[in-house]
Amino acid sequence: MIETTSATDSSAAPGPGILDPAILLKAERIQLALRDLPGWSLAADESAIERVYGCTSVDAALTFLCYVLTTSFDRRLKARAVIDGCQVLLRLSTPSVGGVTQADLDFAHLIDQR
């Protein structure tokens, strides 16, 4: 397993009506948000969101993984990844709060836009 770990910067307060990206979300809120993230699901233990990506080759899987890990590092987020041939399993969470935050959901959207 390849893993990168960083904390979300919570020093800047969000504006009015904006969800703080570092607050732990309840399972119900996560499930609602996952409606807009096809292929993503809440892990059985509710500690992360996860998705399996199928790539056309091992090289493509490694390139995709490098993108995800670099982006997670740049955004100070945590992504766990497992490569199995041409498949990449991603798990996104925020360990500092013990589960999924808005920042993780936003990161999943960003990954899906690639």
PDB file of N, CA and C in Angstrom:
ATOM      1  N   MET A   1       0.838  -1.170   0.000  1.00  0.00           N
ATOM      2  CA  MET A   1       0.000   0.000   0.000  1.00  0.00           C
ATOM      3  C   MET A   1       0.884   1.235   0.000  1.00  0.00           C
ATOM      4  N   ILE A   2       0.513   2.189  -0.813  1.00  0.00           N
ATOM      5  CA  ILE A   2       1.206   3.467  -0.866  1.00  0.00           C
ATOM      6  C   ILE A   2       0.317   4.474  -0.170  1.00  0.00           C
ATOM      7  N   GLU A   3       0.880   5.247   0.746  1.00  0.00           N
ATOM      8  CA  GLU A   3       0.071   6.146   1.556  1.00  0.00           C
ATOM      9  C   GLU A   3       0.767   7.481   1.700  1.00  0.00           C
ATOM     10  N   THR A   4      -0.012   8.553   1.654  1.00  0.00           N
ATOM     11  CA  THR A   4       0.504   9.873   1.941  1.00  0.00           C
ATOM     12  C   THR A   4      -0.362  10.482   3.026  1.00  0.00           C
ATOM     13  N   THR A   5       0.246  11.204   3.946  1.00  0.00           N
ATOM     14  CA  THR A   5      -0.501  11.751   5.063  1.00  0.00           C
ATOM     15  C   THR A   5      -0.150  13.209   5.267  1.00  0.00           C
ATOM     16  N   SER A   6      -1.181  14.024   5.347  1.00  0.00           N
ATOM     17  CA  SER A   6      -1.050  15.427   5.698  1.00  0.00           C
ATOM     18  C   SER A   6      -2.343  15.860   6.338  1.00  0.00           C
ATOM     19  N   ALA A   7      -2.301  16.936   7.080  1.00  0.00           N
ATOM     20  CA  ALA A   7      -3.521  17.454   7.714  1.00  0.00           C
ATOM     21  C   ALA A   7      -4.102  18.566   6.872  1.00  0.00           C
ATOM     22  N   THR A   8      -5.412  18.703   6.916  1.00  0.00           N
ATOM     23  CA  THR A   8      -6.076  19.819   6.265  1.00  0.00           C
ATOM     24  C   THR A   8      -5.820  21.064   7.088  1.00  0.00           C
ATOM     25  N   ASP A   9      -5.523  22.182   6.429  1.00  0.00           N
ATOM     26  CA  ASP A   9      -5.287  23.432   7.128  1.00  0.00           C
ATOM     27  C   ASP A   9      -6.624  23.998   7.591  1.00  0.00           C
ATOM     28  N   SER A  10      -6.843  24.020   8.880  1.00  0.00           N
ATOM     29  CA  SER A  10      -8.110  24.526   9.405  1.00  0.00           C
ATOM     30  C   SER A  10      -7.935  25.895  10.062  1.00  0.00           C
ATOM     31  N   SER A  11      -6.843  26.584   9.768  1.00  0.00           N
ATOM     32  CA  SER A  11      -6.589  27.864  10.407  1.00  0.00           C
ATOM     33  C   SER A  11      -7.476  28.970   9.862  1.00  0.00           C
ATOM     34  N   ALA A  12      -7.921  28.846   8.616  1.00  0.00           N
ATOM     35  CA  ALA A  12      -8.777  29.863   8.029  1.00  0.00           C
ATOM     36  C   ALA A  12     -10.235  29.474   8.255  1.00  0.00           C
ATOM     37  N   ALA A  13     -10.987  30.367   8.859  1.00  0.00           N
ATOM     38  CA  ALA A  13     -12.398  30.086   9.119  1.00  0.00           C
ATOM     39  C   ALA A  13     -13.189  30.220   7.828  1.00  0.00           C
ATOM     40  N   PRO A  14     -14.166  29.324   7.610  1.00  0.00           N
ATOM     41  CA  PRO A  14     -14.981  29.425   6.413  1.00  0.00           C
ATOM     42  C   PRO A  14     -15.930  30.603   6.504  1.00  0.00           C
ATOM     43  N   GLY A  15     -16.393  31.081   5.359  1.00  0.00           N
ATOM     44  CA  GLY A  15     -17.345  32.180   5.328  1.00  0.00           C
ATOM     45  C   GLY A  15     -18.723  31.715   5.775  1.00  0.00           C
ATOM     46  N   PRO A  16     -19.658  32.655   5.920  1.00  0.00           N
ATOM     47  CA  PRO A  16     -20.999  32.297   6.366  1.00  0.00           C
ATOM     48  C   PRO A  16     -21.661  31.320   5.393  1.00  0.00           C
ATOM     49  N   GLY A  17     -22.299  30.288   5.939  1.00  0.00           N
ATOM     50  CA  GLY A  17     -23.004  29.324   5.110  1.00  0.00           C
ATOM     51  C   GLY A  17     -22.120  28.300   4.432  1.00  0.00           C
ATOM     52  N   ILE A  18     -20.808  28.386   4.654  1.00  0.00           N
ATOM     53  CA  ILE A  18     -19.874  27.450   4.029  1.00  0.00           C
ATOM     54  C   ILE A  18     -19.440  26.434   5.077  1.00  0.00           C
ATOM     55  N   LEU A  19     -19.519  25.163   4.699  1.00  0.00           N
ATOM     56  CA  LEU A  19     -19.143  24.086   5.609  1.00  0.00           C
ATOM     57  C   LEU A  19     -17.632  24.074   5.816  1.00  0.00           C
ATOM     58  N   ASP A  20     -17.209  24.075   7.073  1.00  0.00           N
ATOM     59  CA  ASP A  20     -15.785  24.002   7.405  1.00  0.00           C
ATOM     60  C   ASP A  20     -15.227  22.691   6.845  1.00  0.00           C
ATOM     61  N   PRO A  21     -14.175  22.754   6.006  1.00  0.00           N
ATOM     62  CA  PRO A  21     -13.659  21.540   5.384  1.00  0.00           C
ATOM     63  C   PRO A  21     -13.011  20.567   6.362  1.00  0.00           C
ATOM     64  N   ALA A  22     -12.785  20.981   7.623  1.00  0.00           N
ATOM     65  CA  ALA A  22     -12.105  20.108   8.582  1.00  0.00           C
ATOM     66  C   ALA A  22     -13.052  19.529   9.634  1.00  0.00           C
ATOM     67  N   ILE A  23     -14.361  19.657   9.446  1.00  0.00           N
ATOM     68  CA  ILE A  23     -15.323  19.115  10.409  1.00  0.00           C
ATOM     69  C   ILE A  23     -15.781  17.742   9.951  1.00  0.00           C
ATOM     70  N   LEU A  24     -15.791  16.792  10.880  1.00  0.00           N
ATOM     71  CA  LEU A  24     -16.246  15.436  10.599  1.00  0.00           C
ATOM     72  C   LEU A  24     -17.707  15.457  10.160  1.00  0.00           C
ATOM     73  N   LEU A  25     -17.988  14.799   9.044  1.00  0.00           N
ATOM     74  CA  LEU A  25     -19.355  14.732   8.528  1.00  0.00           C
ATOM     75  C   LEU A  25     -20.053  13.475   9.020  1.00  0.00           C
ATOM     76  N   LYS A  26     -21.355  13.581   9.232  1.00  0.00           N
ATOM     77  CA  LYS A  26     -22.156  12.418   9.611  1.00  0.00           C
ATOM     78  C   LYS A  26     -22.390  11.561   8.367  1.00  0.00           C
ATOM     79  N   ALA A  27     -22.629  10.271   8.589  1.00  0.00           N
ATOM     80  CA  ALA A  27     -22.829   9.321   7.494  1.00  0.00           C
ATOM     81  C   ALA A  27     -23.956   9.758   6.560  1.00  0.00           C
ATOM     82  N   GLU A  28     -25.028  10.320   7.108  1.00  0.00           N
ATOM     83  CA  GLU A  28     -26.158  10.753   6.281  1.00  0.00           C
ATOM     84  C   GLU A  28     -25.739  11.856   5.313  1.00  0.00           C
ATOM     85  N   ARG A  29     -24.943  12.799   5.799  1.00  0.00           N
ATOM     86  CA  ARG A  29     -24.465  13.906   4.956  1.00  0.00           C
ATOM     87  C   ARG A  29     -23.535  13.369   3.865  1.00  0.00           C
ATOM     88  N   ILE A  30     -22.702  12.405   4.224  1.00  0.00           N
ATOM     89  CA  ILE A  30     -21.779  11.813   3.251  1.00  0.00           C
ATOM     90  C   ILE A  30     -22.563  11.078   2.165  1.00  0.00           C
ATOM     91  N   GLN A  31     -23.556  10.298   2.572  1.00  0.00           N
ATOM     92  CA  GLN A  31     -24.364   9.548   1.600  1.00  0.00           C
ATOM     93  C   GLN A  31     -25.062  10.497   0.633  1.00  0.00           C
ATOM     94  N   LEU A  32     -25.567  11.621   1.122  1.00  0.00           N
ATOM     95  CA  LEU A  32     -26.187  12.610   0.237  1.00  0.00           C
ATOM     96  C   LEU A  32     -25.176  13.157  -0.771  1.00  0.00           C
ATOM     97  N   ALA A  33     -23.998  13.470  -0.294  1.00  0.00           N
ATOM     98  CA  ALA A  33     -22.957  14.020  -1.174  1.00  0.00           C
ATOM     99  C   ALA A  33     -22.492  12.991  -2.199  1.00  0.00           C
ATOM    100  N   LEU A  34     -22.503  11.716  -1.825  1.00  0.00           N
ATOM    101  CA  LEU A  34     -22.037  10.671  -2.744  1.00  0.00           C
ATOM    102  C   LEU A  34     -22.970  10.482  -3.931  1.00  0.00           C
ATOM    103  N   ARG A  35     -24.174  11.013  -3.854  1.00  0.00           N
ATOM    104  CA  ARG A  35     -25.085  10.971  -5.015  1.00  0.00           C
ATOM    105  C   ARG A  35     -24.484  11.700  -6.206  1.00  0.00           C
ATOM    106  N   ASP A  36     -23.647  12.696  -5.925  1.00  0.00           N
ATOM    107  CA  ASP A  36     -22.986  13.473  -6.984  1.00  0.00           C
ATOM    108  C   ASP A  36     -21.603  12.926  -7.324  1.00  0.00           C
ATOM    109  N   LEU A  37     -21.250  11.778  -6.750  1.00  0.00           N
ATOM    110  CA  LEU A  37     -19.944  11.167  -6.980  1.00  0.00           C
ATOM    111  C   LEU A  37     -20.124   9.708  -7.384  1.00  0.00           C
ATOM    112  N   PRO A  38     -20.543   9.467  -8.632  1.00  0.00           N
ATOM    113  CA  PRO A  38     -20.761   8.089  -9.078  1.00  0.00           C
ATOM    114  C   PRO A  38     -19.501   7.237  -8.896  1.00  0.00           C
ATOM    115  N   GLY A  39     -19.703   6.030  -8.398  1.00  0.00           N
ATOM    116  CA  GLY A  39     -18.588   5.114  -8.198  1.00  0.00           C
ATOM    117  C   GLY A  39     -17.964   5.190  -6.815  1.00  0.00           C
ATOM    118  N   TRP A  40     -18.182   6.281  -6.100  1.00  0.00           N
ATOM    119  CA  TRP A  40     -17.661   6.435  -4.739  1.00  0.00           C
ATOM    120  C   TRP A  40     -18.661   5.862  -3.749  1.00  0.00           C
ATOM    121  N   SER A  41     -18.149   5.314  -2.657  1.00  0.00           N
ATOM    122  CA  SER A  41     -19.021   4.792  -1.602  1.00  0.00           C
ATOM    123  C   SER A  41     -18.386   5.053  -0.244  1.00  0.00           C
ATOM    124  N   LEU A  42     -19.224   4.987   0.777  1.00  0.00           N
ATOM    125  CA  LEU A  42     -18.749   5.133   2.140  1.00  0.00           C
ATOM    126  C   LEU A  42     -18.231   3.778   2.601  1.00  0.00           C
ATOM    127  N   ALA A  43     -17.033   3.751   3.140  1.00  0.00           N
ATOM    128  CA  ALA A  43     -16.453   2.502   3.634  1.00  0.00           C
ATOM    129  C   ALA A  43     -17.351   1.911   4.714  1.00  0.00           C
ATOM    130  N   ALA A  44     -17.306   0.599   4.865  1.00  0.00           N
ATOM    131  CA  ALA A  44     -18.159  -0.103   5.831  1.00  0.00           C
ATOM    132  C   ALA A  44     -18.011   0.461   7.242  1.00  0.00           C
ATOM    133  N   ASP A  45     -16.796   0.876   7.611  1.00  0.00           N
ATOM    134  CA  ASP A  45     -16.585   1.418   8.954  1.00  0.00           C
ATOM    135  C   ASP A  45     -16.854   2.927   9.032  1.00  0.00           C
ATOM    136  N   GLU A  46     -17.295   3.515   7.915  1.00  0.00           N
ATOM    137  CA  GLU A  46     -17.643   4.938   7.796  1.00  0.00           C
ATOM    138  C   GLU A  46     -16.477   5.878   8.067  1.00  0.00           C
ATOM    139  N   SER A  47     -15.253   5.366   7.972  1.00  0.00           N
ATOM    140  CA  SER A  47     -14.080   6.193   8.251  1.00  0.00           C
ATOM    141  C   SER A  47     -13.488   6.838   7.009  1.00  0.00           C
ATOM    142  N   ALA A  48     -13.989   6.480   5.824  1.00  0.00           N
ATOM    143  CA  ALA A  48     -13.422   6.986   4.574  1.00  0.00           C
ATOM    144  C   ALA A  48     -14.429   6.806   3.451  1.00  0.00           C
ATOM    145  N   ILE A  49     -14.180   7.514   2.351  1.00  0.00           N
ATOM    146  CA  ILE A  49     -14.900   7.227   1.118  1.00  0.00           C
ATOM    147  C   ILE A  49     -13.918   6.515   0.202  1.00  0.00           C
ATOM    148  N   GLU A  50     -14.448   5.656  -0.669  1.00  0.00           N
ATOM    149  CA  GLU A  50     -13.541   4.864  -1.501  1.00  0.00           C
ATOM    150  C   GLU A  50     -14.123   4.633  -2.884  1.00  0.00           C
ATOM    151  N   ARG A  51     -13.210   4.372  -3.802  1.00  0.00           N
ATOM    152  CA  ARG A  51     -13.588   4.080  -5.179  1.00  0.00           C
ATOM    153  C   ARG A  51     -12.474   3.275  -5.835  1.00  0.00           C
ATOM    154  N   VAL A  52     -12.869   2.377  -6.721  1.00  0.00           N
ATOM    155  CA  VAL A  52     -11.908   1.629  -7.533  1.00  0.00           C
ATOM    156  C   VAL A  52     -11.934   2.213  -8.938  1.00  0.00           C
ATOM    157  N   TYR A  53     -10.759   2.559  -9.444  1.00  0.00           N
ATOM    158  CA  TYR A  53     -10.604   3.051 -10.809  1.00  0.00           C
ATOM    159  C   TYR A  53      -9.945   1.971 -11.645  1.00  0.00           C
ATOM    160  N   GLY A  54     -10.502   1.706 -12.805  1.00  0.00           N
ATOM    161  CA  GLY A  54      -9.890   0.780 -13.747  1.00  0.00           C
ATOM    162  C   GLY A  54      -9.090   1.570 -14.763  1.00  0.00           C
ATOM    163  N   CYS A  55      -7.835   1.236 -14.920  1.00  0.00           N
ATOM    164  CA  CYS A  55      -6.961   1.912 -15.879  1.00  0.00           C
ATOM    165  C   CYS A  55      -6.645   0.963 -17.035  1.00  0.00           C
ATOM    166  N   THR A  56      -6.184   1.513 -18.138  1.00  0.00           N
ATOM    167  CA  THR A  56      -5.927   0.702 -19.329  1.00  0.00           C
ATOM    168  C   THR A  56      -4.633  -0.089 -19.250  1.00  0.00           C
ATOM    169  N   SER A  57      -3.734   0.310 -18.362  1.00  0.00           N
ATOM    170  CA  SER A  57      -2.456  -0.391 -18.232  1.00  0.00           C
ATOM    171  C   SER A  57      -1.881  -0.103 -16.851  1.00  0.00           C
ATOM    172  N   VAL A  58      -0.848  -0.841 -16.500  1.00  0.00           N
ATOM    173  CA  VAL A  58      -0.164  -0.594 -15.239  1.00  0.00           C
ATOM    174  C   VAL A  58       0.482   0.794 -15.266  1.00  0.00           C
ATOM    175  N   ASP A  59       1.052   1.178 -16.409  1.00  0.00           N
ATOM    176  CA  ASP A  59       1.641   2.519 -16.525  1.00  0.00           C
ATOM    177  C   ASP A  59       0.592   3.603 -16.294  1.00  0.00           C
ATOM    178  N   ALA A  60      -0.601   3.415 -16.858  1.00  0.00           N
ATOM    179  CA  ALA A  60      -1.676   4.391 -16.667  1.00  0.00           C
ATOM    180  C   ALA A  60      -2.092   4.439 -15.199  1.00  0.00           C
ATOM    181  N   ALA A  61      -2.131   3.276 -14.544  1.00  0.00           N
ATOM    182  CA  ALA A  61      -2.483   3.227 -13.122  1.00  0.00           C
ATOM    183  C   ALA A  61      -1.450   3.977 -12.281  1.00  0.00           C
ATOM    184  N   LEU A  62      -0.179   3.803 -12.599  1.00  0.00           N
ATOM    185  CA  LEU A  62       0.883   4.494 -11.856  1.00  0.00           C
ATOM    186  C   LEU A  62       0.841   6.003 -12.100  1.00  0.00           C
ATOM    187  N   THR A  63       0.563   6.408 -13.329  1.00  0.00           N
ATOM    188  CA  THR A  63       0.447   7.839 -13.647  1.00  0.00           C
ATOM    189  C   THR A  63      -0.715   8.457 -12.882  1.00  0.00           C
ATOM    190  N   PHE A  64      -1.845   7.761 -12.878  1.00  0.00           N
ATOM    191  CA  PHE A  64      -3.019   8.229 -12.143  1.00  0.00           C
ATOM    192  C   PHE A  64      -2.699   8.340 -10.647  1.00  0.00           C
ATOM    193  N   LEU A  65      -2.047   7.320 -10.113  1.00  0.00           N
ATOM    194  CA  LEU A  65      -1.687   7.320  -8.704  1.00  0.00           C
ATOM    195  C   LEU A  65      -0.752   8.485  -8.374  1.00  0.00           C
ATOM    196  N   CYS A  66       0.220   8.755  -9.217  1.00  0.00           N
ATOM    197  CA  CYS A  66       1.133   9.891  -8.988  1.00  0.00           C
ATOM    198  C   CYS A  66       0.357  11.202  -8.941  1.00  0.00           C
ATOM    199  N   TYR A  67      -0.617  11.349  -9.854  1.00  0.00           N
ATOM    200  CA  TYR A  67      -1.456  12.552  -9.852  1.00  0.00           C
ATOM    201  C   TYR A  67      -2.196  12.681  -8.521  1.00  0.00           C
ATOM    202  N   VAL A  68      -2.843  11.599  -8.079  1.00  0.00           N
ATOM    203  CA  VAL A  68      -3.633  11.635  -6.846  1.00  0.00           C
ATOM    204  C   VAL A  68      -2.750  11.960  -5.645  1.00  0.00           C
ATOM    205  N   LEU A  69      -1.619  11.290  -5.530  1.00  0.00           N
ATOM    206  CA  LEU A  69      -0.753  11.507  -4.371  1.00  0.00           C
ATOM    207  C   LEU A  69      -0.126  12.900  -4.370  1.00  0.00           C
ATOM    208  N   THR A  70       0.271  13.381  -5.535  1.00  0.00           N
ATOM    209  CA  THR A  70       0.820  14.739  -5.622  1.00  0.00           C
ATOM    210  C   THR A  70      -0.239  15.773  -5.260  1.00  0.00           C
ATOM    211  N   THR A  71      -1.438  15.584  -5.778  1.00  0.00           N
ATOM    212  CA  THR A  71      -2.522  16.521  -5.480  1.00  0.00           C
ATOM    213  C   THR A  71      -2.896  16.467  -4.006  1.00  0.00           C
ATOM    214  N   SER A  72      -2.923  15.283  -3.419  1.00  0.00           N
ATOM    215  CA  SER A  72      -3.257  15.179  -1.995  1.00  0.00           C
ATOM    216  C   SER A  72      -2.195  15.866  -1.143  1.00  0.00           C
ATOM    217  N   PHE A  73      -0.943  15.711  -1.523  1.00  0.00           N
ATOM    218  CA  PHE A  73       0.139  16.370  -0.785  1.00  0.00           C
ATOM    219  C   PHE A  73       0.002  17.884  -0.902  1.00  0.00           C
ATOM    220  N   ASP A  74      -0.241  18.374  -2.131  1.00  0.00           N
ATOM    221  CA  ASP A  74      -0.387  19.814  -2.357  1.00  0.00           C
ATOM    222  C   ASP A  74      -1.554  20.404  -1.572  1.00  0.00           C
ATOM    223  N   ARG A  75      -2.607  19.638  -1.402  1.00  0.00           N
ATOM    224  CA  ARG A  75      -3.799  20.110  -0.703  1.00  0.00           C
ATOM    225  C   ARG A  75      -3.799  19.741   0.781  1.00  0.00           C
ATOM    226  N   ARG A  76      -2.737  19.100   1.221  1.00  0.00           N
ATOM    227  CA  ARG A  76      -2.581  18.690   2.615  1.00  0.00           C
ATOM    228  C   ARG A  76      -3.715  17.766   3.051  1.00  0.00           C
ATOM    229  N   LEU A  77      -4.004  16.793   2.190  1.00  0.00           N
ATOM    230  CA  LEU A  77      -5.034  15.794   2.456  1.00  0.00           C
ATOM    231  C   LEU A  77      -4.413  14.420   2.520  1.00  0.00           C
ATOM    232  N   LYS A  78      -5.208  13.451   2.937  1.00  0.00           N
ATOM    233  CA  LYS A  78      -4.707  12.085   3.012  1.00  0.00           C
ATOM    234  C   LYS A  78      -5.436  11.214   1.996  1.00  0.00           C
ATOM    235  N   ALA A  79      -4.650  10.483   1.241  1.00  0.00           N
ATOM    236  CA  ALA A  79      -5.204   9.499   0.310  1.00  0.00           C
ATOM    237  C   ALA A  79      -4.458   8.195   0.529  1.00  0.00           C
ATOM    238  N   ARG A  80      -5.208   7.116   0.609  1.00  0.00           N
ATOM    239  CA  ARG A  80      -4.602   5.788   0.638  1.00  0.00           C
ATOM    240  C   ARG A  80      -4.928   5.133  -0.678  1.00  0.00           C
ATOM    241  N   ALA A  81      -3.951   4.427  -1.212  1.00  0.00           N
ATOM    242  CA  ALA A  81      -4.156   3.786  -2.507  1.00  0.00           C
ATOM    243  C   ALA A  81      -3.541   2.401  -2.513  1.00  0.00           C
ATOM    244  N   VAL A  82      -4.230   1.510  -3.205  1.00  0.00           N
ATOM    245  CA  VAL A  82      -3.736   0.168  -3.431  1.00  0.00           C
ATOM    246  C   VAL A  82      -3.839  -0.094  -4.923  1.00  0.00           C
ATOM    247  N   ILE A  83      -2.736  -0.536  -5.521  1.00  0.00           N
ATOM    248  CA  ILE A  83      -2.736  -0.889  -6.942  1.00  0.00           C
ATOM    249  C   ILE A  83      -2.771  -2.402  -7.057  1.00  0.00           C
ATOM    250  N   ASP A  84      -3.690  -2.879  -7.881  1.00  0.00           N
ATOM    251  CA  ASP A  84      -3.791  -4.297  -8.182  1.00  0.00           C
ATOM    252  C   ASP A  84      -3.868  -4.414  -9.699  1.00  0.00           C
ATOM    253  N   GLY A  85      -2.724  -4.618 -10.320  1.00  0.00           N
ATOM    254  CA  GLY A  85      -2.668  -4.651 -11.784  1.00  0.00           C
ATOM    255  C   GLY A  85      -3.036  -3.300 -12.344  1.00  0.00           C
ATOM    256  N   CYS A  86      -4.124  -3.268 -13.110  1.00  0.00           N
ATOM    257  CA  CYS A  86      -4.572  -2.019 -13.731  1.00  0.00           C
ATOM    258  C   CYS A  86      -5.646  -1.307 -12.910  1.00  0.00           C
ATOM    259  N   GLN A  87      -5.917  -1.796 -11.719  1.00  0.00           N
ATOM    260  CA  GLN A  87      -6.924  -1.172 -10.871  1.00  0.00           C
ATOM    261  C   GLN A  87      -6.279  -0.426  -9.708  1.00  0.00           C
ATOM    262  N   VAL A  88      -6.877   0.729  -9.383  1.00  0.00           N
ATOM    263  CA  VAL A  88      -6.407   1.537  -8.259  1.00  0.00           C
ATOM    264  C   VAL A  88      -7.581   1.741  -7.308  1.00  0.00           C
ATOM    265  N   LEU A  89      -7.421   1.296  -6.057  1.00  0.00           N
ATOM    266  CA  LEU A  89      -8.413   1.543  -5.017  1.00  0.00           C
ATOM    267  C   LEU A  89      -7.968   2.772  -4.245  1.00  0.00           C
ATOM    268  N   LEU A  90      -8.832   3.793  -4.185  1.00  0.00           N
ATOM    269  CA  LEU A  90      -8.540   5.006  -3.417  1.00  0.00           C
ATOM    270  C   LEU A  90      -9.443   5.073  -2.202  1.00  0.00           C
ATOM    271  N   ARG A  91      -8.868   5.482  -1.079  1.00  0.00           N
ATOM    272  CA  ARG A  91      -9.614   5.751   0.157  1.00  0.00           C
ATOM    273  C   ARG A  91      -9.232   7.153   0.613  1.00  0.00           C
ATOM    274  N   LEU A  92     -10.230   8.001   0.785  1.00  0.00           N
ATOM    275  CA  LEU A  92      -9.995   9.374   1.221  1.00  0.00           C
ATOM    276  C   LEU A  92     -10.597   9.586   2.599  1.00  0.00           C
ATOM    277  N   SER A  93      -9.822  10.220   3.479  1.00  0.00           N
ATOM    278  CA  SER A  93     -10.294  10.528   4.826  1.00  0.00           C
ATOM    279  C   SER A  93      -9.435  11.635   5.416  1.00  0.00           C
ATOM    280  N   THR A  94      -9.876  12.144   6.551  1.00  0.00           N
ATOM    281  CA  THR A  94      -9.118  13.153   7.292  1.00  0.00           C
ATOM    282  C   THR A  94      -8.843  12.596   8.686  1.00  0.00           C
ATOM    283  N   PRO A  95      -7.664  12.007   8.893  1.00  0.00           N
ATOM    284  CA  PRO A  95      -7.353  11.367  10.178  1.00  0.00           C
ATOM    285  C   PRO A  95      -7.450  12.294  11.389  1.00  0.00           C
ATOM    286  N   SER A  96      -7.186  13.576  11.205  1.00  0.00           N
ATOM    287  CA  SER A  96      -7.209  14.490  12.348  1.00  0.00           C
ATOM    288  C   SER A  96      -8.599  14.617  12.968  1.00  0.00           C
ATOM    289  N   VAL A  97      -9.652  14.290  12.191  1.00  0.00           N
ATOM    290  CA  VAL A  97     -11.010  14.314  12.745  1.00  0.00           C
ATOM    291  C   VAL A  97     -11.613  12.912  12.825  1.00  0.00           C
ATOM    292  N   GLY A  98     -10.879  11.925  12.340  1.00  0.00           N
ATOM    293  CA  GLY A  98     -11.322  10.541  12.446  1.00  0.00           C
ATOM    294  C   GLY A  98     -12.342  10.091  11.438  1.00  0.00           C
ATOM    295  N   GLY A  99     -12.355  10.713  10.269  1.00  0.00           N
ATOM    296  CA  GLY A  99     -13.317  10.287   9.251  1.00  0.00           C
ATOM    297  C   GLY A  99     -13.331  11.196   8.041  1.00  0.00           C
ATOM    298  N   VAL A 100     -14.514  11.346   7.458  1.00  0.00           N
ATOM    299  CA  VAL A 100     -14.683  12.068   6.200  1.00  0.00           C
ATOM    300  C   VAL A 100     -15.102  13.514   6.468  1.00  0.00           C
ATOM    301  N   THR A 101     -14.474  14.429   5.741  1.00  0.00           N
ATOM    302  CA  THR A 101     -14.796  15.855   5.827  1.00  0.00           C
ATOM    303  C   THR A 101     -15.194  16.360   4.444  1.00  0.00           C
ATOM    304  N   GLN A 102     -15.652  17.600   4.400  1.00  0.00           N
ATOM    305  CA  GLN A 102     -15.999  18.216   3.118  1.00  0.00           C
ATOM    306  C   GLN A 102     -14.768  18.272   2.203  1.00  0.00           C
ATOM    307  N   ALA A 103     -13.614  18.454   2.768  1.00  0.00           N
ATOM    308  CA  ALA A 103     -12.380  18.492   1.969  1.00  0.00           C
ATOM    309  C   ALA A 103     -12.172  17.169   1.227  1.00  0.00           C
ATOM    310  N   ASP A 104     -12.518  16.050   1.851  1.00  0.00           N
ATOM    311  CA  ASP A 104     -12.390  14.745   1.189  1.00  0.00           C
ATOM    312  C   ASP A 104     -13.366  14.626   0.025  1.00  0.00           C
ATOM    313  N   LEU A 105     -14.596  15.090   0.230  1.00  0.00           N
ATOM    314  CA  LEU A 105     -15.588  15.056  -0.850  1.00  0.00           C
ATOM    315  C   LEU A 105     -15.167  15.958  -2.008  1.00  0.00           C
ATOM    316  N   ASP A 106     -14.647  17.132  -1.678  1.00  0.00           N
ATOM    317  CA  ASP A 106     -14.160  18.053  -2.721  1.00  0.00           C
ATOM    318  C   ASP A 106     -12.998  17.429  -3.486  1.00  0.00           C
ATOM    319  N   PHE A 107     -12.125  16.730  -2.774  1.00  0.00           N
ATOM    320  CA  PHE A 107     -10.992  16.068  -3.409  1.00  0.00           C
ATOM    321  C   PHE A 107     -11.475  14.968  -4.356  1.00  0.00           C
ATOM    322  N   ALA A 108     -12.494  14.212  -3.934  1.00  0.00           N
ATOM    323  CA  ALA A 108     -13.059  13.167  -4.798  1.00  0.00           C
ATOM    324  C   ALA A 108     -13.606  13.780  -6.090  1.00  0.00           C
ATOM    325  N   HIS A 109     -14.279  14.927  -5.985  1.00  0.00           N
ATOM    326  CA  HIS A 109     -14.769  15.619  -7.183  1.00  0.00           C
ATOM    327  C   HIS A 109     -13.605  16.003  -8.090  1.00  0.00           C
ATOM    328  N   LEU A 110     -12.549  16.525  -7.496  1.00  0.00           N
ATOM    329  CA  LEU A 110     -11.379  16.925  -8.278  1.00  0.00           C
ATOM    330  C   LEU A 110     -10.760  15.731  -8.993  1.00  0.00           C
ATOM    331  N   ILE A 111     -10.623  14.625  -8.310  1.00  0.00           N
ATOM    332  CA  ILE A 111     -10.056  13.412  -8.920  1.00  0.00           C
ATOM    333  C   ILE A 111     -10.925  12.969 -10.096  1.00  0.00           C
ATOM    334  N   ASP A 112     -12.232  12.997  -9.907  1.00  0.00           N
ATOM    335  CA  ASP A 112     -13.142  12.555 -10.971  1.00  0.00           C
ATOM    336  C   ASP A 112     -13.111  13.474 -12.196  1.00  0.00           C
ATOM    337  N   GLN A 113     -12.699  14.716 -12.019  1.00  0.00           N
ATOM    338  CA  GLN A 113     -12.617  15.655 -13.150  1.00  0.00           C
ATOM    339  C   GLN A 113     -11.397  15.420 -14.012  1.00  0.00           C
ATOM    340  N   ARG A 114     -10.429  14.664 -13.507  1.00  0.00           N
ATOM    341  CA  ARG A 114      -9.186  14.420 -14.241  1.00  0.00           C
ATOM    342  C   ARG A 114      -9.439  13.602 -15.463  1.00  0.00           C
TER     343      ARG A 114
END
